Amino acid sequence: MPSTRYTAMAHEADVVGVGTGSAPGGDVPAVILSVRGDYLPIFVSADQAQSIGTALEGEPFDRPLTHDLLVDILTEFGGAIDRVRIDDLRDGTFYAKVDAERYEDGEPEQFVFDARPSDALALAVRIDCPIVVSDPVIDEAGRPSDSVQFDDGSREGR
């Protein structure tokens, strides 16, 4: 009997805002993704929230932040980030990957890097690359769009 292997679908997501969510112990910064008709809150540190929010607003800094520096270095060495993936959720912790490539002698060389979701998202908003999220992650952590309220009281981000 042939074995069937479950392959999770991945859906492209958009960052719709950065806000706060309630958690035990107080409010926690969160990046809100819109994916497959749901909102997906990903809790991040305050400095990551500020970095992502600033990039979303297009506000430049006098000197590059860490994620800006990484993009500059990668580009200088002939690399590019193709997409970021939020592809696993275990014990309440999201896991991400950054898919990148580099061309050498006209041939692409593919790389996959493990990353914290906050770092992957901070890179993605800077270079406007696709963000994809797997079905199992959305199934477990996705929230109906009417269950999320943004700081301005709306149900719509940005």
N, C-alpha and C. Protein backbone atom coordinates (compact mmCIF):
# COMPACT_ATOMS: atom_id res chain seq x y z
N MET A 1 0.84 -1.17 0.00
CA MET A 1 0.00 0.00 0.00
C MET A 1 0.90 1.24 0.00
N PRO A 2 0.68 2.18 -0.95
CA PRO A 2 1.53 3.37 -0.98
C PRO A 2 1.26 4.27 0.22
N SER A 3 2.32 4.87 0.71
CA SER A 3 2.14 5.76 1.85
C SER A 3 1.73 7.14 1.34
N THR A 4 0.84 7.74 2.08
CA THR A 4 0.46 9.11 1.76
C THR A 4 1.06 10.01 2.81
N ARG A 5 1.65 11.05 2.36
CA ARG A 5 2.32 11.96 3.27
C ARG A 5 1.57 13.28 3.25
N TYR A 6 1.22 13.78 4.41
CA TYR A 6 0.51 15.05 4.51
C TYR A 6 1.48 16.18 4.23
N THR A 7 1.13 16.99 3.26
CA THR A 7 1.93 18.16 2.95
C THR A 7 1.09 19.39 3.27
N ALA A 8 1.54 20.17 4.18
CA ALA A 8 0.80 21.36 4.59
C ALA A 8 0.89 22.41 3.49
N MET A 9 -0.23 23.03 3.23
CA MET A 9 -0.27 24.15 2.30
C MET A 9 0.28 25.38 3.02
N ALA A 10 0.82 26.27 2.25
CA ALA A 10 1.29 27.54 2.80
C ALA A 10 0.52 28.66 2.13
N HIS A 11 0.18 29.67 2.89
CA HIS A 11 -0.61 30.79 2.40
C HIS A 11 0.16 32.08 2.61
N GLU A 12 0.10 32.96 1.61
CA GLU A 12 0.79 34.23 1.74
C GLU A 12 0.05 35.11 2.75
N ALA A 13 0.82 35.79 3.58
CA ALA A 13 0.27 36.63 4.64
C ALA A 13 0.73 38.07 4.45
N ASP A 14 -0.04 38.98 5.01
CA ASP A 14 0.31 40.40 5.03
C ASP A 14 0.41 40.86 6.47
N VAL A 15 1.38 41.71 6.76
CA VAL A 15 1.45 42.33 8.08
C VAL A 15 0.44 43.47 8.07
N VAL A 16 -0.55 43.40 8.96
CA VAL A 16 -1.58 44.43 9.00
C VAL A 16 -1.38 45.42 10.13
N GLY A 17 -0.49 45.11 11.04
CA GLY A 17 -0.24 46.06 12.11
C GLY A 17 0.61 45.50 13.22
N VAL A 18 1.03 46.39 14.08
CA VAL A 18 1.76 46.03 15.29
C VAL A 18 0.99 46.65 16.43
N GLY A 19 0.69 45.85 17.42
CA GLY A 19 -0.06 46.36 18.56
C GLY A 19 0.28 45.60 19.81
N THR A 20 -0.68 45.49 20.69
CA THR A 20 -0.46 44.75 21.92
C THR A 20 -1.59 43.75 22.09
N GLY A 21 -1.26 42.67 22.73
CA GLY A 21 -2.24 41.65 23.05
C GLY A 21 -2.18 41.35 24.53
N SER A 22 -3.28 40.88 25.05
CA SER A 22 -3.33 40.54 26.47
C SER A 22 -2.75 39.16 26.70
N ALA A 23 -1.92 39.07 27.70
CA ALA A 23 -1.31 37.80 28.08
C ALA A 23 -1.18 37.81 29.59
N PRO A 24 -1.02 36.63 30.20
CA PRO A 24 -0.81 36.62 31.65
C PRO A 24 0.38 37.50 32.00
N GLY A 25 0.17 38.40 32.92
CA GLY A 25 1.25 39.29 33.34
C GLY A 25 1.20 40.65 32.67
N GLY A 26 0.25 40.87 31.76
CA GLY A 26 0.12 42.19 31.14
C GLY A 26 0.08 42.14 29.64
N ASP A 27 0.07 43.33 29.04
CA ASP A 27 0.03 43.44 27.59
C ASP A 27 1.40 43.13 26.99
N VAL A 28 1.37 42.46 25.83
CA VAL A 28 2.58 42.05 25.14
C VAL A 28 2.50 42.54 23.70
N PRO A 29 3.60 43.10 23.16
CA PRO A 29 3.58 43.52 21.77
C PRO A 29 3.33 42.33 20.84
N ALA A 30 2.59 42.58 19.75
CA ALA A 30 2.29 41.54 18.78
C ALA A 30 2.30 42.11 17.38
N VAL A 31 2.79 41.31 16.44
CA VAL A 31 2.67 41.61 15.02
C VAL A 31 1.46 40.84 14.55
N ILE A 32 0.55 41.52 13.85
CA ILE A 32 -0.67 40.88 13.39
C ILE A 32 -0.56 40.62 11.90
N LEU A 33 -0.67 39.34 11.53
CA LEU A 33 -0.68 38.96 10.12
C LEU A 33 -2.12 38.67 9.70
N SER A 34 -2.42 38.98 8.46
CA SER A 34 -3.69 38.59 7.86
C SER A 34 -3.38 37.46 6.89
N VAL A 35 -4.01 36.30 7.12
CA VAL A 35 -3.72 35.14 6.29
C VAL A 35 -4.94 34.23 6.24
N ARG A 36 -5.30 33.80 5.07
CA ARG A 36 -6.40 32.85 4.86
C ARG A 36 -7.71 33.32 5.49
N GLY A 37 -7.92 34.64 5.54
CA GLY A 37 -9.15 35.19 6.11
C GLY A 37 -9.13 35.33 7.62
N ASP A 38 -8.04 34.98 8.26
CA ASP A 38 -7.90 35.09 9.71
C ASP A 38 -6.80 36.10 10.04
N TYR A 39 -6.77 36.48 11.31
CA TYR A 39 -5.64 37.23 11.83
C TYR A 39 -4.79 36.27 12.64
N LEU A 40 -3.48 36.44 12.53
CA LEU A 40 -2.53 35.61 13.25
C LEU A 40 -1.64 36.52 14.08
N PRO A 41 -1.89 36.60 15.40
CA PRO A 41 -1.02 37.42 16.25
C PRO A 41 0.25 36.65 16.62
N ILE A 42 1.38 37.29 16.42
CA ILE A 42 2.66 36.70 16.80
C ILE A 42 3.30 37.64 17.82
N PHE A 43 3.42 37.17 19.05
CA PHE A 43 3.95 38.01 20.12
C PHE A 43 5.46 38.15 19.96
N VAL A 44 5.93 39.38 20.15
CA VAL A 44 7.34 39.72 19.96
C VAL A 44 7.79 40.60 21.12
N SER A 45 9.09 40.86 21.18
CA SER A 45 9.60 41.76 22.21
C SER A 45 9.28 43.21 21.83
N ALA A 46 9.39 44.11 22.80
CA ALA A 46 9.09 45.52 22.54
C ALA A 46 10.03 46.11 21.50
N ASP A 47 11.33 45.75 21.56
CA ASP A 47 12.26 46.32 20.58
C ASP A 47 11.99 45.78 19.18
N GLN A 48 11.59 44.51 19.06
CA GLN A 48 11.26 43.95 17.75
C GLN A 48 10.00 44.62 17.21
N ALA A 49 9.01 44.84 18.09
CA ALA A 49 7.78 45.51 17.67
C ALA A 49 8.09 46.90 17.14
N GLN A 50 8.97 47.63 17.83
CA GLN A 50 9.34 48.97 17.38
C GLN A 50 10.07 48.91 16.04
N SER A 51 10.98 47.96 15.88
CA SER A 51 11.72 47.82 14.64
C SER A 51 10.78 47.52 13.47
N ILE A 52 9.86 46.60 13.67
CA ILE A 52 8.91 46.23 12.61
C ILE A 52 7.96 47.38 12.33
N GLY A 53 7.43 48.00 13.37
CA GLY A 53 6.53 49.13 13.19
C GLY A 53 7.17 50.29 12.46
N THR A 54 8.41 50.59 12.79
CA THR A 54 9.13 51.67 12.13
C THR A 54 9.34 51.37 10.65
N ALA A 55 9.69 50.12 10.35
CA ALA A 55 9.87 49.73 8.94
C ALA A 55 8.55 49.82 8.18
N LEU A 56 7.45 49.41 8.81
CA LEU A 56 6.14 49.49 8.16
C LEU A 56 5.76 50.93 7.84
N GLU A 57 6.13 51.84 8.72
CA GLU A 57 5.80 53.25 8.53
C GLU A 57 6.77 53.95 7.59
N GLY A 58 7.87 53.27 7.23
CA GLY A 58 8.84 53.85 6.32
C GLY A 58 9.69 54.93 6.93
N GLU A 59 9.81 54.94 8.25
CA GLU A 59 10.61 55.95 8.93
C GLU A 59 12.08 55.51 8.95
N PRO A 60 12.95 56.28 8.30
CA PRO A 60 14.36 55.91 8.31
C PRO A 60 15.05 56.31 9.61
N PHE A 61 16.07 55.54 9.96
CA PHE A 61 16.92 55.88 11.10
C PHE A 61 18.19 56.51 10.54
N ASP A 62 18.87 57.29 11.39
CA ASP A 62 20.14 57.88 10.97
C ASP A 62 21.18 56.81 10.65
N ARG A 63 21.14 55.74 11.43
CA ARG A 63 22.08 54.63 11.25
C ARG A 63 21.27 53.36 11.15
N PRO A 64 21.76 52.34 10.45
CA PRO A 64 20.95 51.14 10.25
C PRO A 64 20.74 50.35 11.54
N LEU A 65 19.54 49.83 11.68
CA LEU A 65 19.26 48.89 12.76
C LEU A 65 19.80 47.52 12.33
N THR A 66 19.81 46.57 13.23
CA THR A 66 20.41 45.26 12.97
C THR A 66 19.83 44.61 11.71
N HIS A 67 18.51 44.66 11.54
CA HIS A 67 17.90 44.02 10.37
C HIS A 67 18.27 44.75 9.08
N ASP A 68 18.36 46.07 9.15
CA ASP A 68 18.80 46.84 7.98
C ASP A 68 20.23 46.47 7.61
N LEU A 69 21.07 46.34 8.62
CA LEU A 69 22.47 45.97 8.41
C LEU A 69 22.57 44.59 7.77
N LEU A 70 21.79 43.64 8.27
CA LEU A 70 21.83 42.29 7.71
C LEU A 70 21.43 42.29 6.23
N VAL A 71 20.38 43.02 5.89
CA VAL A 71 19.95 43.11 4.49
C VAL A 71 21.06 43.73 3.65
N ASP A 72 21.69 44.79 4.14
CA ASP A 72 22.78 45.44 3.40
C ASP A 72 23.95 44.49 3.18
N ILE A 73 24.34 43.76 4.21
CA ILE A 73 25.46 42.82 4.10
C ILE A 73 25.12 41.70 3.12
N LEU A 74 23.95 41.13 3.26
CA LEU A 74 23.51 40.05 2.37
C LEU A 74 23.53 40.51 0.92
N THR A 75 23.01 41.68 0.67
CA THR A 75 22.96 42.22 -0.69
C THR A 75 24.36 42.46 -1.23
N GLU A 76 25.22 43.02 -0.39
CA GLU A 76 26.60 43.30 -0.82
C GLU A 76 27.34 42.03 -1.22
N PHE A 77 27.02 40.92 -0.57
CA PHE A 77 27.67 39.65 -0.88
C PHE A 77 26.92 38.85 -1.94
N GLY A 78 25.99 39.50 -2.64
CA GLY A 78 25.32 38.86 -3.76
C GLY A 78 24.16 37.96 -3.39
N GLY A 79 23.63 38.13 -2.21
CA GLY A 79 22.51 37.30 -1.78
C GLY A 79 21.21 38.06 -1.80
N ALA A 80 20.13 37.31 -1.68
CA ALA A 80 18.80 37.91 -1.62
C ALA A 80 17.89 37.01 -0.80
N ILE A 81 16.96 37.61 -0.10
CA ILE A 81 15.95 36.85 0.64
C ILE A 81 14.75 36.67 -0.28
N ASP A 82 14.34 35.43 -0.48
CA ASP A 82 13.22 35.13 -1.37
C ASP A 82 11.88 35.21 -0.65
N ARG A 83 11.85 34.68 0.56
CA ARG A 83 10.61 34.69 1.35
C ARG A 83 10.94 34.29 2.77
N VAL A 84 9.99 34.55 3.66
CA VAL A 84 10.09 34.04 5.03
C VAL A 84 8.88 33.16 5.27
N ARG A 85 9.08 32.17 6.11
CA ARG A 85 8.01 31.20 6.41
C ARG A 85 7.80 31.09 7.90
N ILE A 86 6.56 31.13 8.31
CA ILE A 86 6.18 30.77 9.67
C ILE A 86 5.58 29.37 9.50
N ASP A 87 6.36 28.35 9.83
CA ASP A 87 5.94 27.01 9.42
C ASP A 87 5.77 25.99 10.54
N ASP A 88 5.90 26.44 11.77
CA ASP A 88 5.70 25.49 12.86
C ASP A 88 5.30 26.25 14.12
N LEU A 89 4.55 25.57 14.95
CA LEU A 89 4.12 26.11 16.24
C LEU A 89 4.10 24.94 17.21
N ARG A 90 4.99 25.01 18.20
CA ARG A 90 5.09 23.94 19.20
C ARG A 90 5.10 24.55 20.59
N ASP A 91 4.22 24.04 21.44
CA ASP A 91 4.15 24.50 22.84
C ASP A 91 4.05 26.02 22.93
N GLY A 92 3.27 26.61 22.02
CA GLY A 92 3.05 28.05 22.05
C GLY A 92 4.16 28.88 21.45
N THR A 93 5.18 28.25 20.87
CA THR A 93 6.30 28.97 20.28
C THR A 93 6.26 28.80 18.76
N PHE A 94 6.28 29.94 18.06
CA PHE A 94 6.33 29.92 16.60
C PHE A 94 7.75 29.68 16.13
N TYR A 95 7.88 29.03 14.99
CA TYR A 95 9.18 28.79 14.37
C TYR A 95 9.13 29.30 12.93
N ALA A 96 10.24 29.89 12.50
CA ALA A 96 10.28 30.49 11.16
C ALA A 96 11.55 30.07 10.44
N LYS A 97 11.50 30.28 9.13
CA LYS A 97 12.66 30.05 8.27
C LYS A 97 12.77 31.22 7.30
N VAL A 98 13.99 31.50 6.89
CA VAL A 98 14.25 32.51 5.87
C VAL A 98 14.85 31.78 4.68
N ASP A 99 14.17 31.87 3.54
CA ASP A 99 14.66 31.26 2.30
C ASP A 99 15.45 32.33 1.55
N ALA A 100 16.70 32.02 1.25
CA ALA A 100 17.57 32.98 0.57
C ALA A 100 18.29 32.29 -0.58
N GLU A 101 18.88 33.09 -1.42
CA GLU A 101 19.68 32.56 -2.51
C GLU A 101 20.83 33.49 -2.82
N ARG A 102 21.81 32.89 -3.47
CA ARG A 102 22.97 33.64 -3.92
C ARG A 102 23.35 33.07 -5.28
N TYR A 103 23.73 33.94 -6.17
CA TYR A 103 24.15 33.48 -7.50
C TYR A 103 25.67 33.47 -7.56
N GLU A 104 26.20 32.35 -8.04
CA GLU A 104 27.63 32.24 -8.26
C GLU A 104 27.83 31.63 -9.64
N ASP A 105 28.57 32.34 -10.47
CA ASP A 105 28.78 31.94 -11.86
C ASP A 105 27.45 31.71 -12.57
N GLY A 106 26.47 32.56 -12.28
CA GLY A 106 25.18 32.48 -12.95
C GLY A 106 24.25 31.40 -12.43
N GLU A 107 24.71 30.62 -11.47
CA GLU A 107 23.90 29.52 -10.93
C GLU A 107 23.39 29.88 -9.55
N PRO A 108 22.09 29.66 -9.32
CA PRO A 108 21.55 29.97 -7.99
C PRO A 108 21.93 28.90 -6.98
N GLU A 109 22.26 29.35 -5.78
CA GLU A 109 22.50 28.45 -4.66
C GLU A 109 21.48 28.81 -3.59
N GLN A 110 20.68 27.83 -3.18
CA GLN A 110 19.60 28.06 -2.24
C GLN A 110 20.08 27.82 -0.80
N PHE A 111 19.56 28.64 0.11
CA PHE A 111 19.87 28.52 1.53
C PHE A 111 18.58 28.62 2.33
N VAL A 112 18.52 27.93 3.44
CA VAL A 112 17.40 28.04 4.37
C VAL A 112 18.00 28.27 5.75
N PHE A 113 17.54 29.33 6.42
CA PHE A 113 18.05 29.68 7.74
C PHE A 113 16.91 29.62 8.75
N ASP A 114 17.15 28.98 9.88
CA ASP A 114 16.20 29.03 10.99
C ASP A 114 16.22 30.44 11.55
N ALA A 115 15.05 30.92 11.98
CA ALA A 115 14.98 32.28 12.50
C ALA A 115 13.85 32.39 13.51
N ARG A 116 13.97 33.36 14.39
CA ARG A 116 12.83 33.71 15.23
C ARG A 116 11.82 34.39 14.31
N PRO A 117 10.53 34.16 14.51
CA PRO A 117 9.55 34.82 13.66
C PRO A 117 9.68 36.34 13.66
N SER A 118 10.02 36.92 14.80
CA SER A 118 10.17 38.37 14.85
C SER A 118 11.29 38.85 13.95
N ASP A 119 12.40 38.12 13.90
CA ASP A 119 13.50 38.50 13.01
C ASP A 119 13.11 38.30 11.55
N ALA A 120 12.46 37.18 11.25
CA ALA A 120 12.02 36.91 9.88
C ALA A 120 11.06 38.00 9.41
N LEU A 121 10.11 38.38 10.25
CA LEU A 121 9.14 39.42 9.88
C LEU A 121 9.81 40.78 9.73
N ALA A 122 10.78 41.08 10.61
CA ALA A 122 11.51 42.35 10.51
C ALA A 122 12.26 42.44 9.19
N LEU A 123 12.82 41.33 8.73
CA LEU A 123 13.48 41.31 7.42
C LEU A 123 12.47 41.47 6.30
N ALA A 124 11.37 40.73 6.38
CA ALA A 124 10.37 40.74 5.31
C ALA A 124 9.77 42.12 5.07
N VAL A 125 9.49 42.86 6.15
CA VAL A 125 8.88 44.18 5.95
C VAL A 125 9.88 45.18 5.38
N ARG A 126 11.16 44.93 5.55
CA ARG A 126 12.17 45.82 5.00
C ARG A 126 12.38 45.62 3.51
N ILE A 127 12.25 44.39 3.04
CA ILE A 127 12.54 44.12 1.63
C ILE A 127 11.28 43.76 0.85
N ASP A 128 10.14 43.75 1.51
CA ASP A 128 8.86 43.47 0.87
C ASP A 128 8.86 42.12 0.17
N CYS A 129 9.36 41.10 0.86
CA CYS A 129 9.33 39.75 0.31
C CYS A 129 8.09 39.02 0.84
N PRO A 130 7.69 37.94 0.18
CA PRO A 130 6.52 37.21 0.66
C PRO A 130 6.73 36.62 2.06
N ILE A 131 5.63 36.61 2.80
CA ILE A 131 5.56 35.94 4.10
C ILE A 131 4.54 34.83 3.92
N VAL A 132 4.92 33.59 4.19
CA VAL A 132 3.98 32.49 4.05
C VAL A 132 3.83 31.77 5.38
N VAL A 133 2.62 31.29 5.62
CA VAL A 133 2.29 30.62 6.88
C VAL A 133 1.62 29.29 6.54
N SER A 134 2.02 28.24 7.24
CA SER A 134 1.47 26.91 6.96
C SER A 134 0.08 26.75 7.57
N ASP A 135 -0.71 25.87 6.95
CA ASP A 135 -2.06 25.58 7.44
C ASP A 135 -2.09 25.17 8.91
N PRO A 136 -1.22 24.24 9.36
CA PRO A 136 -1.29 23.85 10.77
C PRO A 136 -1.09 25.02 11.73
N VAL A 137 -0.23 25.98 11.38
CA VAL A 137 0.00 27.14 12.23
C VAL A 137 -1.26 28.01 12.27
N ILE A 138 -1.85 28.24 11.10
CA ILE A 138 -3.07 29.05 11.04
C ILE A 138 -4.20 28.35 11.80
N ASP A 139 -4.32 27.03 11.60
CA ASP A 139 -5.38 26.27 12.28
C ASP A 139 -5.27 26.39 13.79
N GLU A 140 -4.05 26.38 14.30
CA GLU A 140 -3.87 26.41 15.75
C GLU A 140 -3.92 27.82 16.34
N ALA A 141 -3.34 28.79 15.64
CA ALA A 141 -3.19 30.12 16.26
C ALA A 141 -3.99 31.23 15.59
N GLY A 142 -4.60 30.95 14.44
CA GLY A 142 -5.37 31.97 13.75
C GLY A 142 -6.60 32.37 14.55
N ARG A 143 -7.00 33.62 14.39
CA ARG A 143 -8.17 34.16 15.08
C ARG A 143 -9.09 34.78 14.04
N PRO A 144 -10.41 34.63 14.21
CA PRO A 144 -11.32 35.29 13.28
C PRO A 144 -11.06 36.79 13.28
N SER A 145 -11.19 37.41 12.12
CA SER A 145 -10.86 38.84 12.01
C SER A 145 -11.71 39.70 12.95
N ASP A 146 -12.93 39.27 13.27
CA ASP A 146 -13.75 40.09 14.16
C ASP A 146 -13.38 39.93 15.63
N SER A 147 -12.40 39.07 15.93
CA SER A 147 -11.98 38.88 17.32
C SER A 147 -10.76 39.72 17.69
N VAL A 148 -10.21 40.44 16.71
CA VAL A 148 -9.02 41.25 16.94
C VAL A 148 -9.41 42.72 16.84
N GLN A 149 -9.01 43.49 17.84
CA GLN A 149 -9.27 44.93 17.82
C GLN A 149 -7.94 45.65 17.90
N PHE A 150 -7.75 46.62 17.01
CA PHE A 150 -6.52 47.39 16.97
C PHE A 150 -6.59 48.56 17.94
N ASP A 151 -5.44 49.16 18.20
CA ASP A 151 -5.35 50.23 19.19
C ASP A 151 -6.30 51.39 18.92
N ASP A 152 -6.62 51.63 17.63
CA ASP A 152 -7.53 52.73 17.31
C ASP A 152 -8.99 52.32 17.41
N GLY A 153 -9.25 51.07 17.87
CA GLY A 153 -10.61 50.58 18.05
C GLY A 153 -11.18 49.90 16.83
N SER A 154 -10.46 49.93 15.71
CA SER A 154 -10.96 49.33 14.47
C SER A 154 -10.70 47.82 14.45
N ARG A 155 -11.30 47.18 13.50
CA ARG A 155 -11.07 45.76 13.24
C ARG A 155 -10.14 45.59 12.03
N GLU A 156 -9.67 46.71 11.48
CA GLU A 156 -8.78 46.70 10.31
C GLU A 156 -7.43 47.28 10.72
N GLY A 157 -6.35 46.65 10.32
CA GLY A 157 -5.01 47.15 10.64
C GLY A 157 -4.58 48.26 9.72
N ARG A 158 -3.41 48.82 10.01
CA ARG A 158 -2.75 49.88 9.26
C ARG A 158 -3.72 50.86 8.77
